[in-house]
Amino acid sequence: MNEHLYAVLYVFDVKPGSEEVFESAWQAVTEAIQSESGSGGSRLHKSQNGTYWAHALWPSRAALEGVELSKSVSEVRQLWCKRASALRCWEKAT
Protein backbone atom coordinates (compact mmCIF):
# COMPACT_ATOMS: atom_id res chain seq x y z
CA MET A 1 0.00 0.00 0.00
CA ASN A 2 1.26 3.45 -0.92
CA GLU A 3 1.85 5.68 2.10
CA HIS A 4 1.82 8.89 0.03
CA LEU A 5 -1.79 9.40 -0.93
CA TYR A 6 -1.84 13.16 -1.46
CA ALA A 7 -0.41 14.68 -4.64
CA VAL A 8 0.31 18.26 -5.60
CA LEU A 9 1.03 19.43 -9.15
CA TYR A 10 2.94 22.67 -9.62
CA VAL A 11 3.38 24.53 -12.92
CA PHE A 12 5.99 27.28 -13.14
CA ASP A 13 6.99 29.86 -15.68
CA VAL A 14 10.64 30.61 -14.91
CA LYS A 15 12.24 33.92 -15.77
CA PRO A 16 14.64 33.60 -18.74
CA GLY A 17 18.23 33.07 -17.62
CA SER A 18 17.17 31.79 -14.17
CA GLU A 19 16.66 28.15 -15.10
CA GLU A 20 19.86 26.74 -13.59
CA VAL A 21 19.41 28.48 -10.23
CA PHE A 22 15.72 27.50 -10.18
CA GLU A 23 16.50 23.82 -10.86
CA SER A 24 19.30 23.64 -8.28
CA ALA A 25 17.20 25.34 -5.61
CA TRP A 26 14.21 23.09 -6.35
CA GLN A 27 16.37 19.98 -5.94
CA ALA A 28 17.92 21.18 -2.67
CA VAL A 29 14.56 22.10 -1.14
CA THR A 30 12.97 18.82 -2.28
CA GLU A 31 15.76 16.77 -0.70
CA ALA A 32 15.57 18.71 2.58
CA ILE A 33 11.79 18.44 2.82
CA GLN A 34 11.86 14.75 2.00
CA SER A 35 14.44 13.97 4.68
CA GLU A 36 12.96 16.27 7.34
CA SER A 37 9.21 16.06 6.77
CA GLY A 38 8.27 12.63 5.46
CA SER A 39 7.19 13.72 2.02
CA GLY A 40 7.41 11.30 -0.85
CA GLY A 41 9.63 13.73 -2.73
CA SER A 42 8.95 15.51 -5.98
CA ARG A 43 9.98 15.32 -9.61
CA LEU A 44 10.71 18.41 -11.67
CA HIS A 45 10.17 18.38 -15.43
CA LYS A 46 10.67 20.95 -18.19
CA SER A 47 8.45 21.06 -21.24
CA GLN A 48 9.69 21.87 -24.73
CA ASN A 49 8.24 25.38 -24.46
CA GLY A 50 10.23 26.05 -21.26
CA THR A 51 7.41 25.69 -18.75
CA TYR A 52 8.35 23.67 -15.68
CA TRP A 53 6.03 21.33 -13.87
CA ALA A 54 6.53 19.19 -10.80
CA HIS A 55 4.54 16.71 -8.82
CA ALA A 56 5.03 16.14 -5.12
CA LEU A 57 3.71 13.30 -2.98
CA TRP A 58 2.63 13.54 0.65
CA PRO A 59 1.03 11.22 3.20
CA SER A 60 -1.84 13.74 3.60
CA ARG A 61 -2.78 17.37 3.16
CA ALA A 62 -2.19 17.87 6.87
CA ALA A 63 1.39 16.63 6.47
CA LEU A 64 1.96 19.14 3.66
CA GLU A 65 0.42 21.99 5.62
CA GLY A 66 2.37 21.07 8.76
CA VAL A 67 5.81 21.41 7.19
CA GLU A 68 8.10 23.78 9.05
CA LEU A 69 11.13 24.67 6.99
CA SER A 70 14.41 25.52 8.65
CA LYS A 71 15.72 29.02 8.03
CA SER A 72 18.37 27.75 5.60
CA VAL A 73 15.84 25.73 3.59
CA SER A 74 13.44 28.70 3.55
CA GLU A 75 16.21 30.88 2.15
CA VAL A 76 16.96 28.38 -0.63
CA ARG A 77 13.22 28.08 -1.34
CA GLN A 78 13.12 31.84 -1.86
CA LEU A 79 15.74 31.42 -4.62
CA TRP A 80 13.35 29.40 -6.75
CA CYS A 81 10.32 31.46 -5.79
CA LYS A 82 12.04 34.64 -6.99
CA ARG A 83 12.91 33.02 -10.32
CA ALA A 84 9.38 31.87 -11.08
CA SER A 85 7.27 34.48 -12.81
CA ALA A 86 4.09 32.45 -12.37
CA LEU A 87 3.01 29.51 -10.23
CA ARG A 88 -0.10 27.40 -10.53
CA CYS A 89 -0.93 24.60 -8.14
CA TRP A 90 -3.44 21.74 -8.05
CA GLU A 91 -3.96 19.27 -5.23
CA LYS A 92 -5.54 15.82 -5.26
CA ALA A 93 -6.10 13.17 -2.63
CA THR A 94 -6.02 9.66 -4.02
PDB file of N, CA and C in Angstrom:
ATOM      1  N   MET A   1       0.840  -1.193   0.000  1.00  0.00           N
ATOM      2  CA  MET A   1       0.000   0.000   0.000  1.00  0.00           C
ATOM      3  C   MET A   1       0.875   1.244   0.000  1.00  0.00           C
ATOM      4  N   ASN A   2       0.507   2.211  -0.817  1.00  0.00           N
ATOM      5  CA  ASN A   2       1.259   3.454  -0.925  1.00  0.00           C
ATOM      6  C   ASN A   2       0.976   4.339   0.277  1.00  0.00           C
ATOM      7  N   GLU A   3       2.030   4.817   0.927  1.00  0.00           N
ATOM      8  CA  GLU A   3       1.851   5.679   2.097  1.00  0.00           C
ATOM      9  C   GLU A   3       1.742   7.159   1.742  1.00  0.00           C
ATOM     10  N   HIS A   4       1.921   7.503   0.477  1.00  0.00           N
ATOM     11  CA  HIS A   4       1.824   8.887   0.034  1.00  0.00           C
ATOM     12  C   HIS A   4       0.597   9.031  -0.867  1.00  0.00           C
ATOM     13  N   LEU A   5      -0.513   9.398  -0.241  1.00  0.00           N
ATOM     14  CA  LEU A   5      -1.790   9.405  -0.931  1.00  0.00           C
ATOM     15  C   LEU A   5      -2.274  10.798  -1.315  1.00  0.00           C
ATOM     16  N   TYR A   6      -1.451  11.788  -1.142  1.00  0.00           N
ATOM     17  CA  TYR A   6      -1.843  13.158  -1.462  1.00  0.00           C
ATOM     18  C   TYR A   6      -0.831  13.711  -2.453  1.00  0.00           C
ATOM     19  N   ALA A   7      -1.297  14.183  -3.584  1.00  0.00           N
ATOM     20  CA  ALA A   7      -0.410  14.680  -4.637  1.00  0.00           C
ATOM     21  C   ALA A   7      -0.672  16.153  -4.912  1.00  0.00           C
ATOM     22  N   VAL A   8       0.401  16.851  -5.238  1.00  0.00           N
ATOM     23  CA  VAL A   8       0.312  18.259  -5.603  1.00  0.00           C
ATOM     24  C   VAL A   8       1.038  18.424  -6.932  1.00  0.00           C
ATOM     25  N   LEU A   9       0.422  19.130  -7.864  1.00  0.00           N
ATOM     26  CA  LEU A   9       1.028  19.435  -9.153  1.00  0.00           C
ATOM     27  C   LEU A   9       1.299  20.930  -9.203  1.00  0.00           C
ATOM     28  N   TYR A  10       2.539  21.277  -9.490  1.00  0.00           N
ATOM     29  CA  TYR A  10       2.943  22.673  -9.619  1.00  0.00           C
ATOM     30  C   TYR A  10       3.319  22.933 -11.072  1.00  0.00           C
ATOM     31  N   VAL A  11       2.966  24.099 -11.581  1.00  0.00           N
ATOM     32  CA  VAL A  11       3.378  24.527 -12.919  1.00  0.00           C
ATOM     33  C   VAL A  11       4.010  25.906 -12.765  1.00  0.00           C
ATOM     34  N   PHE A  12       5.230  26.049 -13.281  1.00  0.00           N
ATOM     35  CA  PHE A  12       5.994  27.278 -13.137  1.00  0.00           C
ATOM     36  C   PHE A  12       6.379  27.845 -14.489  1.00  0.00           C
ATOM     37  N   ASP A  13       6.323  29.143 -14.610  1.00  0.00           N
ATOM     38  CA  ASP A  13       6.989  29.861 -15.680  1.00  0.00           C
ATOM     39  C   ASP A  13       8.212  30.479 -15.023  1.00  0.00           C
ATOM     40  N   VAL A  14       9.399  30.136 -15.506  1.00  0.00           N
ATOM     41  CA  VAL A  14      10.642  30.608 -14.911  1.00  0.00           C
ATOM     42  C   VAL A  14      11.204  31.740 -15.758  1.00  0.00           C
ATOM     43  N   LYS A  15      11.674  32.762 -15.083  1.00  0.00           N
ATOM     44  CA  LYS A  15      12.236  33.917 -15.772  1.00  0.00           C
ATOM     45  C   LYS A  15      13.435  33.483 -16.621  1.00  0.00           C
ATOM     46  N   PRO A  16      13.521  33.962 -17.858  1.00  0.00           N
ATOM     47  CA  PRO A  16      14.643  33.600 -18.737  1.00  0.00           C
ATOM     48  C   PRO A  16      15.993  33.890 -18.075  1.00  0.00           C
ATOM     49  N   GLY A  17      16.909  32.938 -18.207  1.00  0.00           N
ATOM     50  CA  GLY A  17      18.232  33.072 -17.624  1.00  0.00           C
ATOM     51  C   GLY A  17      18.329  32.600 -16.186  1.00  0.00           C
ATOM     52  N   SER A  18      17.199  32.225 -15.580  1.00  0.00           N
ATOM     53  CA  SER A  18      17.168  31.790 -14.175  1.00  0.00           C
ATOM     54  C   SER A  18      17.002  30.289 -14.026  1.00  0.00           C
ATOM     55  N   GLU A  19      16.993  29.579 -15.126  1.00  0.00           N
ATOM     56  CA  GLU A  19      16.661  28.152 -15.096  1.00  0.00           C
ATOM     57  C   GLU A  19      17.612  27.333 -14.216  1.00  0.00           C
ATOM     58  N   GLU A  20      18.899  27.555 -14.344  1.00  0.00           N
ATOM     59  CA  GLU A  20      19.861  26.744 -13.589  1.00  0.00           C
ATOM     60  C   GLU A  20      19.721  26.948 -12.080  1.00  0.00           C
ATOM     61  N   VAL A  21      19.583  28.195 -11.653  1.00  0.00           N
ATOM     62  CA  VAL A  21      19.406  28.482 -10.226  1.00  0.00           C
ATOM     63  C   VAL A  21      18.084  27.901  -9.745  1.00  0.00           C
ATOM     64  N   PHE A  22      17.026  28.043 -10.534  1.00  0.00           N
ATOM     65  CA  PHE A  22      15.723  27.497 -10.180  1.00  0.00           C
ATOM     66  C   PHE A  22      15.807  25.980  -9.980  1.00  0.00           C
ATOM     67  N   GLU A  23      16.401  25.280 -10.938  1.00  0.00           N
ATOM     68  CA  GLU A  23      16.499  23.822 -10.864  1.00  0.00           C
ATOM     69  C   GLU A  23      17.326  23.367  -9.661  1.00  0.00           C
ATOM     70  N   SER A  24      18.452  24.007  -9.416  1.00  0.00           N
ATOM     71  CA  SER A  24      19.304  23.640  -8.279  1.00  0.00           C
ATOM     72  C   SER A  24      18.590  23.880  -6.950  1.00  0.00           C
ATOM     73  N   ALA A  25      17.923  25.024  -6.843  1.00  0.00           N
ATOM     74  CA  ALA A  25      17.204  25.338  -5.610  1.00  0.00           C
ATOM     75  C   ALA A  25      16.042  24.373  -5.397  1.00  0.00           C
ATOM     76  N   TRP A  26      15.322  24.046  -6.473  1.00  0.00           N
ATOM     77  CA  TRP A  26      14.213  23.091  -6.355  1.00  0.00           C
ATOM     78  C   TRP A  26      14.722  21.755  -5.814  1.00  0.00           C
ATOM     79  N   GLN A  27      15.818  21.267  -6.365  1.00  0.00           N
ATOM     80  CA  GLN A  27      16.370  19.982  -5.943  1.00  0.00           C
ATOM     81  C   GLN A  27      16.789  20.015  -4.470  1.00  0.00           C
ATOM     82  N   ALA A  28      17.466  21.075  -4.060  1.00  0.00           N
ATOM     83  CA  ALA A  28      17.919  21.182  -2.669  1.00  0.00           C
ATOM     84  C   ALA A  28      16.748  21.228  -1.691  1.00  0.00           C
ATOM     85  N   VAL A  29      15.730  21.999  -2.021  1.00  0.00           N
ATOM     86  CA  VAL A  29      14.556  22.098  -1.139  1.00  0.00           C
ATOM     87  C   VAL A  29      13.815  20.767  -1.094  1.00  0.00           C
ATOM     88  N   THR A  30      13.648  20.116  -2.237  1.00  0.00           N
ATOM     89  CA  THR A  30      12.970  18.816  -2.280  1.00  0.00           C
ATOM     90  C   THR A  30      13.681  17.797  -1.392  1.00  0.00           C
ATOM     91  N   GLU A  31      14.997  17.731  -1.507  1.00  0.00           N
ATOM     92  CA  GLU A  31      15.759  16.771  -0.699  1.00  0.00           C
ATOM     93  C   GLU A  31      15.633  17.069   0.788  1.00  0.00           C
ATOM     94  N   ALA A  32      15.694  18.344   1.165  1.00  0.00           N
ATOM     95  CA  ALA A  32      15.567  18.711   2.576  1.00  0.00           C
ATOM     96  C   ALA A  32      14.183  18.383   3.113  1.00  0.00           C
ATOM     97  N   ILE A  33      13.156  18.722   2.365  1.00  0.00           N
ATOM     98  CA  ILE A  33      11.788  18.444   2.820  1.00  0.00           C
ATOM     99  C   ILE A  33      11.558  16.947   2.920  1.00  0.00           C
ATOM    100  N   GLN A  34      12.050  16.195   1.964  1.00  0.00           N
ATOM    101  CA  GLN A  34      11.858  14.746   1.998  1.00  0.00           C
ATOM    102  C   GLN A  34      12.534  14.132   3.219  1.00  0.00           C
ATOM    103  N   SER A  35      13.736  14.564   3.539  1.00  0.00           N
ATOM    104  CA  SER A  35      14.443  13.973   4.678  1.00  0.00           C
ATOM    105  C   SER A  35      13.924  14.465   6.023  1.00  0.00           C
ATOM    106  N   GLU A  36      13.403  15.685   6.071  1.00  0.00           N
ATOM    107  CA  GLU A  36      12.963  16.271   7.345  1.00  0.00           C
ATOM    108  C   GLU A  36      11.478  16.119   7.622  1.00  0.00           C
ATOM    109  N   SER A  37      10.659  15.933   6.578  1.00  0.00           N
ATOM    110  CA  SER A  37       9.213  16.057   6.771  1.00  0.00           C
ATOM    111  C   SER A  37       8.393  14.858   6.331  1.00  0.00           C
ATOM    112  N   GLY A  38       9.033  13.822   5.831  1.00  0.00           N
ATOM    113  CA  GLY A  38       8.274  12.629   5.462  1.00  0.00           C
ATOM    114  C   GLY A  38       7.513  12.714   4.157  1.00  0.00           C
ATOM    115  N   SER A  39       7.864  13.677   3.305  1.00  0.00           N
ATOM    116  CA  SER A  39       7.192  13.724   2.017  1.00  0.00           C
ATOM    117  C   SER A  39       7.699  12.578   1.155  1.00  0.00           C
ATOM    118  N   GLY A  40       6.994  12.325   0.083  1.00  0.00           N
ATOM    119  CA  GLY A  40       7.415  11.295  -0.853  1.00  0.00           C
ATOM    120  C   GLY A  40       8.321  11.848  -1.933  1.00  0.00           C
ATOM    121  N   GLY A  41       8.764  13.098  -1.758  1.00  0.00           N
ATOM    122  CA  GLY A  41       9.631  13.728  -2.725  1.00  0.00           C
ATOM    123  C   GLY A  41       8.841  14.357  -3.857  1.00  0.00           C
ATOM    124  N   SER A  42       9.581  14.899  -4.814  1.00  0.00           N
ATOM    125  CA  SER A  42       8.949  15.505  -5.982  1.00  0.00           C
ATOM    126  C   SER A  42       9.831  15.274  -7.189  1.00  0.00           C
ATOM    127  N   ARG A  43       9.255  15.452  -8.339  1.00  0.00           N
ATOM    128  CA  ARG A  43       9.976  15.324  -9.605  1.00  0.00           C
ATOM    129  C   ARG A  43       9.725  16.591 -10.408  1.00  0.00           C
ATOM    130  N   LEU A  44      10.801  17.187 -10.884  1.00  0.00           N
ATOM    131  CA  LEU A  44      10.714  18.412 -11.666  1.00  0.00           C
ATOM    132  C   LEU A  44      10.935  18.080 -13.130  1.00  0.00           C
ATOM    133  N   HIS A  45      10.097  18.629 -13.985  1.00  0.00           N
ATOM    134  CA  HIS A  45      10.166  18.384 -15.431  1.00  0.00           C
ATOM    135  C   HIS A  45      10.121  19.723 -16.161  1.00  0.00           C
ATOM    136  N   LYS A  46      10.696  19.747 -17.370  1.00  0.00           N
ATOM    137  CA  LYS A  46      10.667  20.953 -18.185  1.00  0.00           C
ATOM    138  C   LYS A  46      10.090  20.588 -19.548  1.00  0.00           C
ATOM    139  N   SER A  47       9.067  21.322 -19.955  1.00  0.00           N
ATOM    140  CA  SER A  47       8.446  21.063 -21.244  1.00  0.00           C
ATOM    141  C   SER A  47       9.277  21.682 -22.358  1.00  0.00           C
ATOM    142  N   GLN A  48       8.961  21.335 -23.584  1.00  0.00           N
ATOM    143  CA  GLN A  48       9.691  21.871 -24.730  1.00  0.00           C
ATOM    144  C   GLN A  48       9.535  23.379 -24.874  1.00  0.00           C
ATOM    145  N   ASN A  49       8.434  23.924 -24.358  1.00  0.00           N
ATOM    146  CA  ASN A  49       8.235  25.382 -24.460  1.00  0.00           C
ATOM    147  C   ASN A  49       8.853  26.136 -23.282  1.00  0.00           C
ATOM    148  N   GLY A  50       9.529  25.409 -22.376  1.00  0.00           N
ATOM    149  CA  GLY A  50      10.227  26.047 -21.263  1.00  0.00           C
ATOM    150  C   GLY A  50       9.458  26.108 -19.970  1.00  0.00           C
ATOM    151  N   THR A  51       8.194  25.721 -19.985  1.00  0.00           N
ATOM    152  CA  THR A  51       7.406  25.690 -18.753  1.00  0.00           C
ATOM    153  C   THR A  51       7.857  24.504 -17.908  1.00  0.00           C
ATOM    154  N   TYR A  52       7.994  24.739 -16.613  1.00  0.00           N
ATOM    155  CA  TYR A  52       8.350  23.665 -15.682  1.00  0.00           C
ATOM    156  C   TYR A  52       7.090  23.152 -15.011  1.00  0.00           C
ATOM    157  N   TRP A  53       7.089  21.880 -14.691  1.00  0.00           N
ATOM    158  CA  TRP A  53       6.030  21.328 -13.869  1.00  0.00           C
ATOM    159  C   TRP A  53       6.648  20.295 -12.935  1.00  0.00           C
ATOM    160  N   ALA A  54       6.027  20.141 -11.800  1.00  0.00           N
ATOM    161  CA  ALA A  54       6.526  19.194 -10.802  1.00  0.00           C
ATOM    162  C   ALA A  54       5.346  18.566 -10.095  1.00  0.00           C
ATOM    163  N   HIS A  55       5.542  17.336  -9.670  1.00  0.00           N
ATOM    164  CA  HIS A  55       4.540  16.706  -8.820  1.00  0.00           C
ATOM    165  C   HIS A  55       5.228  16.278  -7.532  1.00  0.00           C
ATOM    166  N   ALA A  56       4.526  16.475  -6.437  1.00  0.00           N
ATOM    167  CA  ALA A  56       5.032  16.138  -5.115  1.00  0.00           C
ATOM    168  C   ALA A  56       4.032  15.210  -4.439  1.00  0.00           C
ATOM    169  N   LEU A  57       4.554  14.269  -3.684  1.00  0.00           N
ATOM    170  CA  LEU A  57       3.714  13.300  -2.980  1.00  0.00           C
ATOM    171  C   LEU A  57       3.843  13.482  -1.473  1.00  0.00           C
ATOM    172  N   TRP A  58       2.705  13.359  -0.801  1.00  0.00           N
ATOM    173  CA  TRP A  58       2.628  13.540   0.650  1.00  0.00           C
ATOM    174  C   TRP A  58       1.736  12.476   1.251  1.00  0.00           C
ATOM    175  N   PRO A  59       1.932  12.159   2.535  1.00  0.00           N
ATOM    176  CA  PRO A  59       1.025  11.224   3.198  1.00  0.00           C
ATOM    177  C   PRO A  59      -0.400  11.770   3.292  1.00  0.00           C
ATOM    178  N   SER A  60      -0.525  13.103   3.448  1.00  0.00           N
ATOM    179  CA  SER A  60      -1.838  13.743   3.598  1.00  0.00           C
ATOM    180  C   SER A  60      -1.688  15.248   3.393  1.00  0.00           C
ATOM    181  N   ARG A  61      -2.814  15.911   3.243  1.00  0.00           N
ATOM    182  CA  ARG A  61      -2.783  17.374   3.156  1.00  0.00           C
ATOM    183  C   ARG A  61      -2.275  17.970   4.464  1.00  0.00           C
ATOM    184  N   ALA A  62      -2.657  17.373   5.575  1.00  0.00           N
ATOM    185  CA  ALA A  62      -2.193  17.866   6.873  1.00  0.00           C
ATOM    186  C   ALA A  62      -0.671  17.790   6.983  1.00  0.00           C
ATOM    187  N   ALA A  63      -0.069  16.740   6.440  1.00  0.00           N
ATOM    188  CA  ALA A  63       1.393  16.627   6.466  1.00  0.00           C
ATOM    189  C   ALA A  63       2.031  17.751   5.652  1.00  0.00           C
ATOM    190  N   LEU A  64       1.461  18.046   4.495  1.00  0.00           N
ATOM    191  CA  LEU A  64       1.959  19.143   3.656  1.00  0.00           C
ATOM    192  C   LEU A  64       1.832  20.475   4.389  1.00  0.00           C
ATOM    193  N   GLU A  65       0.676  20.723   4.942  1.00  0.00           N
ATOM    194  CA  GLU A  65       0.423  21.994   5.617  1.00  0.00           C
ATOM    195  C   GLU A  65       1.215  22.144   6.909  1.00  0.00           C
ATOM    196  N   GLY A  66       1.644  21.027   7.500  1.00  0.00           N
ATOM    197  CA  GLY A  66       2.373  21.068   8.764  1.00  0.00           C
ATOM    198  C   GLY A  66       3.876  21.209   8.622  1.00  0.00           C
ATOM    199  N   VAL A  67       4.370  21.313   7.403  1.00  0.00           N
ATOM    200  CA  VAL A  67       5.813  21.414   7.192  1.00  0.00           C
ATOM    201  C   VAL A  67       6.342  22.722   7.761  1.00  0.00           C
ATOM    202  N   GLU A  68       7.398  22.599   8.539  1.00  0.00           N
ATOM    203  CA  GLU A  68       8.098  23.775   9.050  1.00  0.00           C
ATOM    204  C   GLU A  68       9.510  23.721   8.502  1.00  0.00           C
ATOM    205  N   LEU A  69       9.815  24.635   7.612  1.00  0.00           N
ATOM    206  CA  LEU A  69      11.129  24.666   6.989  1.00  0.00           C
ATOM    207  C   LEU A  69      12.132  25.365   7.893  1.00  0.00           C
ATOM    208  N   SER A  70      13.347  24.836   7.919  1.00  0.00           N
ATOM    209  CA  SER A  70      14.412  25.519   8.649  1.00  0.00           C
ATOM    210  C   SER A  70      14.715  26.840   7.941  1.00  0.00           C
ATOM    211  N   LYS A  71      15.403  27.720   8.622  1.00  0.00           N
ATOM    212  CA  LYS A  71      15.723  29.020   8.034  1.00  0.00           C
ATOM    213  C   LYS A  71      16.547  28.843   6.764  1.00  0.00           C
ATOM    214  N   SER A  72      17.511  27.932   6.783  1.00  0.00           N
ATOM    215  CA  SER A  72      18.371  27.752   5.603  1.00  0.00           C
ATOM    216  C   SER A  72      17.579  27.202   4.422  1.00  0.00           C
ATOM    217  N   VAL A  73      16.662  26.269   4.667  1.00  0.00           N
ATOM    218  CA  VAL A  73      15.839  25.726   3.586  1.00  0.00           C
ATOM    219  C   VAL A  73      14.877  26.791   3.077  1.00  0.00           C
ATOM    220  N   SER A  74      14.332  27.601   3.967  1.00  0.00           N
ATOM    221  CA  SER A  74      13.441  28.695   3.552  1.00  0.00           C
ATOM    222  C   SER A  74      14.169  29.679   2.654  1.00  0.00           C
ATOM    223  N   GLU A  75      15.429  29.951   2.962  1.00  0.00           N
ATOM    224  CA  GLU A  75      16.208  30.879   2.146  1.00  0.00           C
ATOM    225  C   GLU A  75      16.453  30.305   0.751  1.00  0.00           C
ATOM    226  N   VAL A  76      16.760  29.013   0.676  1.00  0.00           N
ATOM    227  CA  VAL A  76      16.960  28.381  -0.630  1.00  0.00           C
ATOM    228  C   VAL A  76      15.636  28.355  -1.394  1.00  0.00           C
ATOM    229  N   ARG A  77      14.532  28.091  -0.697  1.00  0.00           N
ATOM    230  CA  ARG A  77      13.221  28.080  -1.345  1.00  0.00           C
ATOM    231  C   ARG A  77      12.928  29.443  -1.974  1.00  0.00           C
ATOM    232  N   GLN A  78      13.334  30.507  -1.316  1.00  0.00           N
ATOM    233  CA  GLN A  78      13.120  31.841  -1.865  1.00  0.00           C
ATOM    234  C   GLN A  78      13.873  32.036  -3.186  1.00  0.00           C
ATOM    235  N   LEU A  79      15.001  31.335  -3.356  1.00  0.00           N
ATOM    236  CA  LEU A  79      15.741  31.421  -4.623  1.00  0.00           C
ATOM    237  C   LEU A  79      14.871  30.983  -5.790  1.00  0.00           C
ATOM    238  N   TRP A  80      14.174  29.835  -5.629  1.00  0.00           N
ATOM    239  CA  TRP A  80      13.350  29.399  -6.749  1.00  0.00           C
ATOM    240  C   TRP A  80      12.058  30.190  -6.849  1.00  0.00           C
ATOM    241  N   CYS A  81      11.536  30.644  -5.733  1.00  0.00           N
ATOM    242  CA  CYS A  81      10.317  31.465  -5.793  1.00  0.00           C
ATOM    243  C   CYS A  81      10.571  32.767  -6.549  1.00  0.00           C
ATOM    244  N   LYS A  82      11.722  33.366  -6.339  1.00  0.00           N
ATOM    245  CA  LYS A  82      12.041  34.636  -6.995  1.00  0.00           C
ATOM    246  C   LYS A  82      12.309  34.465  -8.482  1.00  0.00           C
ATOM    247  N   ARG A  83      12.632  33.254  -8.909  1.00  0.00           N
ATOM    248  CA  ARG A  83      12.909  33.020 -10.319  1.00  0.00           C
ATOM    249  C   ARG A  83      11.685  32.572 -11.105  1.00  0.00           C
ATOM    250  N   ALA A  84      10.621  32.268 -10.416  1.00  0.00           N
ATOM    251  CA  ALA A  84       9.376  31.871 -11.083  1.00  0.00           C
ATOM    252  C   ALA A  84       8.520  33.110 -11.297  1.00  0.00           C
ATOM    253  N   SER A  85       8.114  33.318 -12.528  1.00  0.00           N
ATOM    254  CA  SER A  85       7.270  34.480 -12.814  1.00  0.00           C
ATOM    255  C   SER A  85       5.789  34.155 -12.654  1.00  0.00           C
ATOM    256  N   ALA A  86       5.475  32.877 -12.595  1.00  0.00           N
ATOM    257  CA  ALA A  86       4.088  32.452 -12.374  1.00  0.00           C
ATOM    258  C   ALA A  86       4.109  31.078 -11.729  1.00  0.00           C
ATOM    259  N   LEU A  87       3.133  30.815 -10.892  1.00  0.00           N
ATOM    260  CA  LEU A  87       3.005  29.515 -10.234  1.00  0.00           C
ATOM    261  C   LEU A  87       1.531  29.150 -10.200  1.00  0.00           C
ATOM    262  N   ARG A  88       1.248  27.948 -10.637  1.00  0.00           N
ATOM    263  CA  ARG A  88      -0.102  27.400 -10.531  1.00  0.00           C
ATOM    264  C   ARG A  88      -0.002  26.082  -9.772  1.00  0.00           C
ATOM    265  N   CYS A  89      -1.006  25.770  -9.001  1.00  0.00           N
ATOM    266  CA  CYS A  89      -0.925  24.602  -8.138  1.00  0.00           C
ATOM    267  C   CYS A  89      -2.278  23.905  -8.081  1.00  0.00           C
ATOM    268  N   TRP A  90      -2.238  22.570  -8.190  1.00  0.00           N
ATOM    269  CA  TRP A  90      -3.438  21.742  -8.050  1.00  0.00           C
ATOM    270  C   TRP A  90      -3.140  20.650  -7.043  1.00  0.00           C
ATOM    271  N   GLU A  91      -4.137  20.309  -6.234  1.00  0.00           N
ATOM    272  CA  GLU A  91      -3.959  19.272  -5.230  1.00  0.00           C
ATOM    273  C   GLU A  91      -5.014  18.197  -5.411  1.00  0.00           C
ATOM    274  N   LYS A  92      -4.614  16.955  -5.078  1.00  0.00           N
ATOM    275  CA  LYS A  92      -5.539  15.821  -5.258  1.00  0.00           C
ATOM    276  C   LYS A  92      -5.232  14.743  -4.232  1.00  0.00           C
ATOM    277  N   ALA A  93      -6.232  14.327  -3.507  1.00  0.00           N
ATOM    278  CA  ALA A  93      -6.104  13.170  -2.625  1.00  0.00           C
ATOM    279  C   ALA A  93      -6.490  11.942  -3.414  1.00  0.00           C
ATOM    280  N   THR A  94      -5.704  10.885  -3.263  1.00  0.00           N
ATOM    281  CA  THR A  94      -6.017   9.663  -4.024  1.00  0.00           C
ATOM    282  C   THR A  94      -6.762   8.671  -3.167  1.00  0.00           C
TER     283      THR A  94
END
